[in-house]
Amino acid sequence: EYIKSLDTNVTDIYVCCQAGESRSPGLAAAVYHYYGLDPHDVFRNPKYHPNVLCFRLLTEALGVPVEDGLIDQLIYENQQAFKLAIKNARK
């Protein structure tokens, strides 16, 4: 309800929980999707491990649910980004 109630002049939304690496990115990706932005941007960041349940629940609450195929793709991209970051850190 809060996200939907925001004025169209709002350009920045900050999402943060205690650690800021799972729930917050999941919610932020859902807000991205709601505003027509690409949630892949969040999932491709190896610093984050977006909570898929938070992502799915918020997209549904915002009226922009996502298909299981997209969820699977986002999870895969996040895993690949993390593996690449580890590989690059070893060099």
PDB file of N, CA and C in Angstrom:
ATOM      1  N   GLU A   1       0.823  -1.196   0.000  1.00  0.00           N
ATOM      2  CA  GLU A   1       0.000   0.000   0.000  1.00  0.00           C
ATOM      3  C   GLU A   1       0.870   1.264   0.000  1.00  0.00           C
ATOM      4  N   TYR A   2       1.963   1.212   0.751  1.00  0.00           N
ATOM      5  CA  TYR A   2       2.836   2.392   0.824  1.00  0.00           C
ATOM      6  C   TYR A   2       3.434   2.707  -0.548  1.00  0.00           C
ATOM      7  N   ILE A   3       3.970   1.713  -1.211  1.00  0.00           N
ATOM      8  CA  ILE A   3       4.597   1.928  -2.520  1.00  0.00           C
ATOM      9  C   ILE A   3       3.562   2.470  -3.507  1.00  0.00           C
ATOM     10  N   LYS A   4       2.395   1.879  -3.511  1.00  0.00           N
ATOM     11  CA  LYS A   4       1.348   2.316  -4.434  1.00  0.00           C
ATOM     12  C   LYS A   4       0.866   3.731  -4.133  1.00  0.00           C
ATOM     13  N   SER A   5       1.011   4.175  -2.892  1.00  0.00           N
ATOM     14  CA  SER A   5       0.512   5.495  -2.506  1.00  0.00           C
ATOM     15  C   SER A   5       1.495   6.627  -2.783  1.00  0.00           C
ATOM     16  N   LEU A   6       2.707   6.296  -3.177  1.00  0.00           N
ATOM     17  CA  LEU A   6       3.716   7.336  -3.381  1.00  0.00           C
ATOM     18  C   LEU A   6       3.355   8.258  -4.538  1.00  0.00           C
ATOM     19  N   ASP A   7       3.673   9.514  -4.358  1.00  0.00           N
ATOM     20  CA  ASP A   7       3.469  10.516  -5.390  1.00  0.00           C
ATOM     21  C   ASP A   7       4.383  10.203  -6.573  1.00  0.00           C
ATOM     22  N   THR A   8       3.957  10.558  -7.760  1.00  0.00           N
ATOM     23  CA  THR A   8       4.765  10.287  -8.959  1.00  0.00           C
ATOM     24  C   THR A   8       6.055  11.088  -8.991  1.00  0.00           C
ATOM     25  N   ASN A   9       6.170  12.103  -8.144  1.00  0.00           N
ATOM     26  CA  ASN A   9       7.398  12.903  -8.082  1.00  0.00           C
ATOM     27  C   ASN A   9       8.513  12.202  -7.305  1.00  0.00           C
ATOM     28  N   VAL A  10       8.189  11.141  -6.584  1.00  0.00           N
ATOM     29  CA  VAL A  10       9.201  10.405  -5.824  1.00  0.00           C
ATOM     30  C   VAL A  10      10.108   9.675  -6.809  1.00  0.00           C
ATOM     31  N   THR A  11      11.413   9.917  -6.678  1.00  0.00           N
ATOM     32  CA  THR A  11      12.362   9.301  -7.617  1.00  0.00           C
ATOM     33  C   THR A  11      13.292   8.291  -6.952  1.00  0.00           C
ATOM     34  N   ASP A  12      13.370   8.312  -5.635  1.00  0.00           N
ATOM     35  CA  ASP A  12      14.262   7.394  -4.925  1.00  0.00           C
ATOM     36  C   ASP A  12      13.513   6.726  -3.783  1.00  0.00           C
ATOM     37  N   ILE A  13      13.719   5.418  -3.665  1.00  0.00           N
ATOM     38  CA  ILE A  13      13.153   4.646  -2.564  1.00  0.00           C
ATOM     39  C   ILE A  13      14.293   3.823  -1.983  1.00  0.00           C
ATOM     40  N   TYR A  14      14.487   3.909  -0.693  1.00  0.00           N
ATOM     41  CA  TYR A  14      15.542   3.153  -0.030  1.00  0.00           C
ATOM     42  C   TYR A  14      14.909   1.994   0.729  1.00  0.00           C
ATOM     43  N   VAL A  15      15.466   0.809   0.523  1.00  0.00           N
ATOM     44  CA  VAL A  15      14.960  -0.397   1.165  1.00  0.00           C
ATOM     45  C   VAL A  15      16.111  -1.002   1.951  1.00  0.00           C
ATOM     46  N   CYS A  16      15.924  -1.190   3.254  1.00  0.00           N
ATOM     47  CA  CYS A  16      17.003  -1.765   4.048  1.00  0.00           C
ATOM     48  C   CYS A  16      16.450  -2.509   5.250  1.00  0.00           C
ATOM     49  N   CYS A  17      17.019  -3.665   5.505  1.00  0.00           N
ATOM     50  CA  CYS A  17      16.719  -4.411   6.717  1.00  0.00           C
ATOM     51  C   CYS A  17      18.037  -4.508   7.497  1.00  0.00           C
ATOM     52  N   GLN A  18      18.108  -5.367   8.459  1.00  0.00           N
ATOM     53  CA  GLN A  18      19.281  -5.416   9.329  1.00  0.00           C
ATOM     54  C   GLN A  18      20.580  -5.668   8.563  1.00  0.00           C
ATOM     55  N   ALA A  19      20.628  -6.705   7.766  1.00  0.00           N
ATOM     56  CA  ALA A  19      21.861  -7.028   7.050  1.00  0.00           C
ATOM     57  C   ALA A  19      21.890  -6.415   5.652  1.00  0.00           C
ATOM     58  N   GLY A  20      20.741  -6.243   5.042  1.00  0.00           N
ATOM     59  CA  GLY A  20      20.677  -5.630   3.723  1.00  0.00           C
ATOM     60  C   GLY A  20      21.210  -6.476   2.592  1.00  0.00           C
ATOM     61  N   GLU A  21      21.211  -7.807   2.738  1.00  0.00           N
ATOM     62  CA  GLU A  21      21.739  -8.622   1.644  1.00  0.00           C
ATOM     63  C   GLU A  21      20.778  -9.692   1.150  1.00  0.00           C
ATOM     64  N   SER A  22      19.617  -9.846   1.768  1.00  0.00           N
ATOM     65  CA  SER A  22      18.673 -10.860   1.311  1.00  0.00           C
ATOM     66  C   SER A  22      17.250 -10.306   1.192  1.00  0.00           C
ATOM     67  N   ARG A  23      16.650  -9.954   2.323  1.00  0.00           N
ATOM     68  CA  ARG A  23      15.275  -9.436   2.271  1.00  0.00           C
ATOM     69  C   ARG A  23      15.201  -8.118   1.519  1.00  0.00           C
ATOM     70  N   SER A  24      16.084  -7.198   1.846  1.00  0.00           N
ATOM     71  CA  SER A  24      16.059  -5.885   1.189  1.00  0.00           C
ATOM     72  C   SER A  24      16.227  -5.989  -0.321  1.00  0.00           C
ATOM     73  N   PRO A  25      17.215  -6.741  -0.817  1.00  0.00           N
ATOM     74  CA  PRO A  25      17.332  -6.874  -2.270  1.00  0.00           C
ATOM     75  C   PRO A  25      16.115  -7.543  -2.910  1.00  0.00           C
ATOM     76  N   GLY A  26      15.524  -8.503  -2.207  1.00  0.00           N
ATOM     77  CA  GLY A  26      14.319  -9.136  -2.739  1.00  0.00           C
ATOM     78  C   GLY A  26      13.185  -8.133  -2.890  1.00  0.00           C
ATOM     79  N   LEU A  27      13.001  -7.296  -1.867  1.00  0.00           N
ATOM     80  CA  LEU A  27      11.968  -6.272  -1.918  1.00  0.00           C
ATOM     81  C   LEU A  27      12.311  -5.189  -2.941  1.00  0.00           C
ATOM     82  N   ALA A  28      13.579  -4.806  -2.982  1.00  0.00           N
ATOM     83  CA  ALA A  28      14.001  -3.787  -3.947  1.00  0.00           C
ATOM     84  C   ALA A  28      13.780  -4.266  -5.382  1.00  0.00           C
ATOM     85  N   ALA A  29      14.072  -5.531  -5.653  1.00  0.00           N
ATOM     86  CA  ALA A  29      13.851  -6.083  -6.993  1.00  0.00           C
ATOM     87  C   ALA A  29      12.367  -6.062  -7.350  1.00  0.00           C
ATOM     88  N   ALA A  30      11.509  -6.319  -6.371  1.00  0.00           N
ATOM     89  CA  ALA A  30      10.064  -6.270  -6.607  1.00  0.00           C
ATOM     90  C   ALA A  30       9.618  -4.849  -6.926  1.00  0.00           C
ATOM     91  N   VAL A  31      10.180  -3.878  -6.208  1.00  0.00           N
ATOM     92  CA  VAL A  31       9.842  -2.476  -6.474  1.00  0.00           C
ATOM     93  C   VAL A  31      10.347  -2.076  -7.856  1.00  0.00           C
ATOM     94  N   TYR A  32      11.545  -2.536  -8.228  1.00  0.00           N
ATOM     95  CA  TYR A  32      12.057  -2.312  -9.588  1.00  0.00           C
ATOM     96  C   TYR A  32      11.026  -2.800 -10.599  1.00  0.00           C
ATOM     97  N   HIS A  33      10.600  -4.034 -10.415  1.00  0.00           N
ATOM     98  CA  HIS A  33       9.655  -4.654 -11.348  1.00  0.00           C
ATOM     99  C   HIS A  33       8.353  -3.850 -11.410  1.00  0.00           C
ATOM    100  N   TYR A  34       7.870  -3.405 -10.287  1.00  0.00           N
ATOM    101  CA  TYR A  34       6.637  -2.625 -10.216  1.00  0.00           C
ATOM    102  C   TYR A  34       6.745  -1.342 -11.039  1.00  0.00           C
ATOM    103  N   TYR A  35       7.890  -0.702 -10.981  1.00  0.00           N
ATOM    104  CA  TYR A  35       8.095   0.555 -11.706  1.00  0.00           C
ATOM    105  C   TYR A  35       8.586   0.348 -13.140  1.00  0.00           C
ATOM    106  N   GLY A  36       8.591  -0.895 -13.595  1.00  0.00           N
ATOM    107  CA  GLY A  36       8.984  -1.170 -14.977  1.00  0.00           C
ATOM    108  C   GLY A  36      10.481  -1.230 -15.192  1.00  0.00           C
ATOM    109  N   LEU A  37      11.240  -1.286 -14.109  1.00  0.00           N
ATOM    110  CA  LEU A  37      12.691  -1.416 -14.207  1.00  0.00           C
ATOM    111  C   LEU A  37      13.051  -2.894 -14.204  1.00  0.00           C
ATOM    112  N   ASP A  38      14.274  -3.205 -14.500  1.00  0.00           N
ATOM    113  CA  ASP A  38      14.704  -4.590 -14.658  1.00  0.00           C
ATOM    114  C   ASP A  38      15.162  -5.191 -13.330  1.00  0.00           C
ATOM    115  N   PRO A  39      14.426  -6.166 -12.766  1.00  0.00           N
ATOM    116  CA  PRO A  39      14.849  -6.782 -11.509  1.00  0.00           C
ATOM    117  C   PRO A  39      16.156  -7.561 -11.646  1.00  0.00           C
ATOM    118  N   HIS A  40      16.537  -7.859 -12.893  1.00  0.00           N
ATOM    119  CA  HIS A  40      17.815  -8.545 -13.108  1.00  0.00           C
ATOM    120  C   HIS A  40      18.977  -7.732 -12.558  1.00  0.00           C
ATOM    121  N   ASP A  41      18.854  -6.408 -12.584  1.00  0.00           N
ATOM    122  CA  ASP A  41      19.925  -5.544 -12.073  1.00  0.00           C
ATOM    123  C   ASP A  41      20.253  -5.875 -10.622  1.00  0.00           C
ATOM    124  N   VAL A  42      19.251  -6.193  -9.837  1.00  0.00           N
ATOM    125  CA  VAL A  42      19.467  -6.536  -8.431  1.00  0.00           C
ATOM    126  C   VAL A  42      20.023  -7.950  -8.322  1.00  0.00           C
ATOM    127  N   PHE A  43      19.436  -8.879  -9.049  1.00  0.00           N
ATOM    128  CA  PHE A  43      19.846 -10.279  -8.953  1.00  0.00           C
ATOM    129  C   PHE A  43      21.237 -10.532  -9.533  1.00  0.00           C
ATOM    130  N   ARG A  44      21.675  -9.694 -10.451  1.00  0.00           N
ATOM    131  CA  ARG A  44      23.006  -9.873 -11.048  1.00  0.00           C
ATOM    132  C   ARG A  44      24.133  -9.320 -10.181  1.00  0.00           C
ATOM    133  N   ASN A  45      23.793  -8.665  -9.098  1.00  0.00           N
ATOM    134  CA  ASN A  45      24.798  -8.106  -8.200  1.00  0.00           C
ATOM    135  C   ASN A  45      25.237  -9.197  -7.220  1.00  0.00           C
ATOM    136  N   PRO A  46      26.501  -9.630  -7.282  1.00  0.00           N
ATOM    137  CA  PRO A  46      26.947 -10.729  -6.425  1.00  0.00           C
ATOM    138  C   PRO A  46      26.984 -10.397  -4.933  1.00  0.00           C
ATOM    139  N   LYS A  47      26.839  -9.131  -4.580  1.00  0.00           N
ATOM    140  CA  LYS A  47      26.818  -8.751  -3.164  1.00  0.00           C
ATOM    141  C   LYS A  47      25.488  -9.091  -2.507  1.00  0.00           C
ATOM    142  N   TYR A  48      24.485  -9.344  -3.332  1.00  0.00           N
ATOM    143  CA  TYR A  48      23.151  -9.611  -2.820  1.00  0.00           C
ATOM    144  C   TYR A  48      22.712 -11.038  -3.121  1.00  0.00           C
ATOM    145  N   HIS A  49      21.859 -11.548  -2.268  1.00  0.00           N
ATOM    146  CA  HIS A  49      21.230 -12.860  -2.448  1.00  0.00           C
ATOM    147  C   HIS A  49      19.745 -12.659  -2.192  1.00  0.00           C
ATOM    148  N   PRO A  50      19.054 -12.053  -3.166  1.00  0.00           N
ATOM    149  CA  PRO A  50      17.673 -11.651  -2.946  1.00  0.00           C
ATOM    150  C   PRO A  50      16.771 -12.794  -2.474  1.00  0.00           C
ATOM    151  N   ASN A  51      16.016 -12.504  -1.455  1.00  0.00           N
ATOM    152  CA  ASN A  51      15.064 -13.466  -0.918  1.00  0.00           C
ATOM    153  C   ASN A  51      13.915 -13.567  -1.915  1.00  0.00           C
ATOM    154  N   VAL A  52      13.807 -14.735  -2.548  1.00  0.00           N
ATOM    155  CA  VAL A  52      12.833 -14.934  -3.609  1.00  0.00           C
ATOM    156  C   VAL A  52      11.404 -14.916  -3.067  1.00  0.00           C
ATOM    157  N   LEU A  53      11.201 -15.396  -1.848  1.00  0.00           N
ATOM    158  CA  LEU A  53       9.862 -15.349  -1.267  1.00  0.00           C
ATOM    159  C   LEU A  53       9.423 -13.899  -1.072  1.00  0.00           C
ATOM    160  N   CYS A  54      10.304 -13.063  -0.539  1.00  0.00           N
ATOM    161  CA  CYS A  54       9.979 -11.634  -0.385  1.00  0.00           C
ATOM    162  C   CYS A  54       9.682 -11.007  -1.746  1.00  0.00           C
ATOM    163  N   PHE A  55      10.497 -11.333  -2.735  1.00  0.00           N
ATOM    164  CA  PHE A  55      10.302 -10.814  -4.091  1.00  0.00           C
ATOM    165  C   PHE A  55       8.934 -11.219  -4.634  1.00  0.00           C
ATOM    166  N   ARG A  56       8.619 -12.504  -4.532  1.00  0.00           N
ATOM    167  CA  ARG A  56       7.357 -13.012  -5.073  1.00  0.00           C
ATOM    168  C   ARG A  56       6.151 -12.409  -4.339  1.00  0.00           C
ATOM    169  N   LEU A  57       6.202 -12.374  -3.023  1.00  0.00           N
ATOM    170  CA  LEU A  57       5.073 -11.853  -2.256  1.00  0.00           C
ATOM    171  C   LEU A  57       4.816 -10.376  -2.547  1.00  0.00           C
ATOM    172  N   LEU A  58       5.886  -9.588  -2.652  1.00  0.00           N
ATOM    173  CA  LEU A  58       5.686  -8.168  -2.908  1.00  0.00           C
ATOM    174  C   LEU A  58       5.226  -7.916  -4.345  1.00  0.00           C
ATOM    175  N   THR A  59       5.745  -8.652  -5.312  1.00  0.00           N
ATOM    176  CA  THR A  59       5.256  -8.451  -6.687  1.00  0.00           C
ATOM    177  C   THR A  59       3.774  -8.791  -6.766  1.00  0.00           C
ATOM    178  N   GLU A  60       3.360  -9.833  -6.073  1.00  0.00           N
ATOM    179  CA  GLU A  60       1.935 -10.185  -6.067  1.00  0.00           C
ATOM    180  C   GLU A  60       1.115  -9.099  -5.381  1.00  0.00           C
ATOM    181  N   ALA A  61       1.610  -8.587  -4.256  1.00  0.00           N
ATOM    182  CA  ALA A  61       0.894  -7.537  -3.523  1.00  0.00           C
ATOM    183  C   ALA A  61       0.796  -6.250  -4.344  1.00  0.00           C
ATOM    184  N   LEU A  62       1.800  -5.990  -5.155  1.00  0.00           N
ATOM    185  CA  LEU A  62       1.802  -4.795  -5.994  1.00  0.00           C
ATOM    186  C   LEU A  62       1.017  -4.990  -7.288  1.00  0.00           C
ATOM    187  N   GLY A  63       0.553  -6.213  -7.521  1.00  0.00           N
ATOM    188  CA  GLY A  63      -0.229  -6.487  -8.721  1.00  0.00           C
ATOM    189  C   GLY A  63       0.597  -6.732  -9.961  1.00  0.00           C
ATOM    190  N   VAL A  64       1.880  -7.072  -9.774  1.00  0.00           N
ATOM    191  CA  VAL A  64       2.761  -7.375 -10.912  1.00  0.00           C
ATOM    192  C   VAL A  64       3.450  -8.725 -10.671  1.00  0.00           C
ATOM    193  N   PRO A  65       2.665  -9.793 -10.536  1.00  0.00           N
ATOM    194  CA  PRO A  65       3.274 -11.095 -10.254  1.00  0.00           C
ATOM    195  C   PRO A  65       4.209 -11.522 -11.374  1.00  0.00           C
ATOM    196  N   VAL A  66       5.126 -12.405 -11.052  1.00  0.00           N
ATOM    197  CA  VAL A  66       6.095 -12.895 -12.039  1.00  0.00           C
ATOM    198  C   VAL A  66       5.898 -14.393 -12.239  1.00  0.00           C
ATOM    199  N   GLU A  67       6.231 -14.831 -13.424  1.00  0.00           N
ATOM    200  CA  GLU A  67       6.120 -16.244 -13.772  1.00  0.00           C
ATOM    201  C   GLU A  67       7.260 -17.030 -13.126  1.00  0.00           C
ATOM    202  N   ASP A  68       7.008 -18.316 -12.886  1.00  0.00           N
ATOM    203  CA  ASP A  68       8.029 -19.175 -12.297  1.00  0.00           C
ATOM    204  C   ASP A  68       9.300 -19.202 -13.135  1.00  0.00           C
ATOM    205  N   GLY A  69       9.162 -19.133 -14.458  1.00  0.00           N
ATOM    206  CA  GLY A  69      10.336 -19.139 -15.333  1.00  0.00           C
ATOM    207  C   GLY A  69      11.247 -17.960 -15.083  1.00  0.00           C
ATOM    208  N   LEU A  70      10.667 -16.801 -14.849  1.00  0.00           N
ATOM    209  CA  LEU A  70      11.479 -15.620 -14.547  1.00  0.00           C
ATOM    210  C   LEU A  70      12.160 -15.778 -13.197  1.00  0.00           C
ATOM    211  N   ILE A  71      11.444 -16.310 -12.229  1.00  0.00           N
ATOM    212  CA  ILE A  71      12.037 -16.549 -10.908  1.00  0.00           C
ATOM    213  C   ILE A  71      13.242 -17.468 -11.048  1.00  0.00           C
ATOM    214  N   ASP A  72      13.080 -18.545 -11.785  1.00  0.00           N
ATOM    215  CA  ASP A  72      14.187 -19.492 -11.992  1.00  0.00           C
ATOM    216  C   ASP A  72      15.370 -18.810 -12.661  1.00  0.00           C
ATOM    217  N   GLN A  73      15.092 -17.965 -13.642  1.00  0.00           N
ATOM    218  CA  GLN A  73      16.157 -17.255 -14.345  1.00  0.00           C
ATOM    219  C   GLN A  73      16.885 -16.294 -13.405  1.00  0.00           C
ATOM    220  N   LEU A  74      16.140 -15.578 -12.585  1.00  0.00           N
ATOM    221  CA  LEU A  74      16.754 -14.645 -11.647  1.00  0.00           C
ATOM    222  C   LEU A  74      17.637 -15.370 -10.635  1.00  0.00           C
ATOM    223  N   ILE A  75      17.158 -16.490 -10.127  1.00  0.00           N
ATOM    224  CA  ILE A  75      17.952 -17.284  -9.181  1.00  0.00           C
ATOM    225  C   ILE A  75      19.236 -17.750  -9.847  1.00  0.00           C
ATOM    226  N   TYR A  76      19.124 -18.262 -11.072  1.00  0.00           N
ATOM    227  CA  TYR A  76      20.301 -18.741 -11.805  1.00  0.00           C
ATOM    228  C   TYR A  76      21.305 -17.607 -12.019  1.00  0.00           C
ATOM    229  N   GLU A  77      20.825 -16.448 -12.434  1.00  0.00           N
ATOM    230  CA  GLU A  77      21.720 -15.315 -12.677  1.00  0.00           C
ATOM    231  C   GLU A  77      22.424 -14.882 -11.395  1.00  0.00           C
ATOM    232  N   ASN A  78      21.719 -14.930 -10.279  1.00  0.00           N
ATOM    233  CA  ASN A  78      22.330 -14.557  -9.017  1.00  0.00           C
ATOM    234  C   ASN A  78      23.417 -15.558  -8.635  1.00  0.00           C
ATOM    235  N   GLN A  79      23.151 -16.822  -8.825  1.00  0.00           N
ATOM    236  CA  GLN A  79      24.156 -17.849  -8.519  1.00  0.00           C
ATOM    237  C   GLN A  79      25.380 -17.692  -9.407  1.00  0.00           C
ATOM    238  N   GLN A  80      25.158 -17.416 -10.686  1.00  0.00           N
ATOM    239  CA  GLN A  80      26.276 -17.248 -11.612  1.00  0.00           C
ATOM    240  C   GLN A  80      27.098 -16.007 -11.259  1.00  0.00           C
ATOM    241  N   ALA A  81      26.445 -14.927 -10.886  1.00  0.00           N
ATOM    242  CA  ALA A  81      27.154 -13.699 -10.512  1.00  0.00           C
ATOM    243  C   ALA A  81      28.025 -13.948  -9.288  1.00  0.00           C
ATOM    244  N   PHE A  82      27.494 -14.703  -8.333  1.00  0.00           N
ATOM    245  CA  PHE A  82      28.249 -15.015  -7.122  1.00  0.00           C
ATOM    246  C   PHE A  82      29.463 -15.883  -7.449  1.00  0.00           C
ATOM    247  N   LYS A  83      29.276 -16.902  -8.278  1.00  0.00           N
ATOM    248  CA  LYS A  83      30.387 -17.774  -8.674  1.00  0.00           C
ATOM    249  C   LYS A  83      31.462 -16.996  -9.410  1.00  0.00           C
ATOM    250  N   LEU A  84      31.063 -16.099 -10.288  1.00  0.00           N
ATOM    251  CA  LEU A  84      32.028 -15.287 -11.027  1.00  0.00           C
ATOM    252  C   LEU A  84      32.803 -14.368 -10.087  1.00  0.00           C
ATOM    253  N   ALA A  85      32.125 -13.803  -9.117  1.00  0.00           N
ATOM    254  CA  ALA A  85      32.804 -12.931  -8.157  1.00  0.00           C
ATOM    255  C   ALA A  85      33.841 -13.708  -7.361  1.00  0.00           C
ATOM    256  N   ILE A  86      33.526 -14.908  -6.963  1.00  0.00           N
ATOM    257  CA  ILE A  86      34.486 -15.747  -6.236  1.00  0.00           C
ATOM    258  C   ILE A  86      35.662 -16.090  -7.128  1.00  0.00           C
ATOM    259  N   LYS A  87      35.378 -16.453  -8.374  1.00  0.00           N
ATOM    260  CA  LYS A  87      36.446 -16.796  -9.321  1.00  0.00           C
ATOM    261  C   LYS A  87      37.373 -15.601  -9.542  1.00  0.00           C
ATOM    262  N   ASN A  88      36.795 -14.408  -9.714  1.00  0.00           N
ATOM    263  CA  ASN A  88      37.601 -13.207  -9.936  1.00  0.00           C
ATOM    264  C   ASN A  88      38.400 -12.811  -8.692  1.00  0.00           C
ATOM    265  N   ALA A  89      37.888 -13.121  -7.528  1.00  0.00           N
ATOM    266  CA  ALA A  89      38.583 -12.781  -6.281  1.00  0.00           C
ATOM    267  C   ALA A  89      39.828 -13.649  -6.092  1.00  0.00           C
ATOM    268  N   ARG A  90      39.823 -14.813  -6.690  1.00  0.00           N
ATOM    269  CA  ARG A  90      40.970 -15.736  -6.561  1.00  0.00           C
ATOM    270  C   ARG A  90      42.132 -15.346  -7.448  1.00  0.00           C
ATOM    271  N   LYS A  91      41.908 -14.475  -8.392  1.00  0.00           N
ATOM    272  CA  LYS A  91      42.977 -14.103  -9.339  1.00  0.00           C
ATOM    273  C   LYS A  91      43.943 -13.131  -8.715  1.00  0.00           C
TER     274      LYS A  91
END
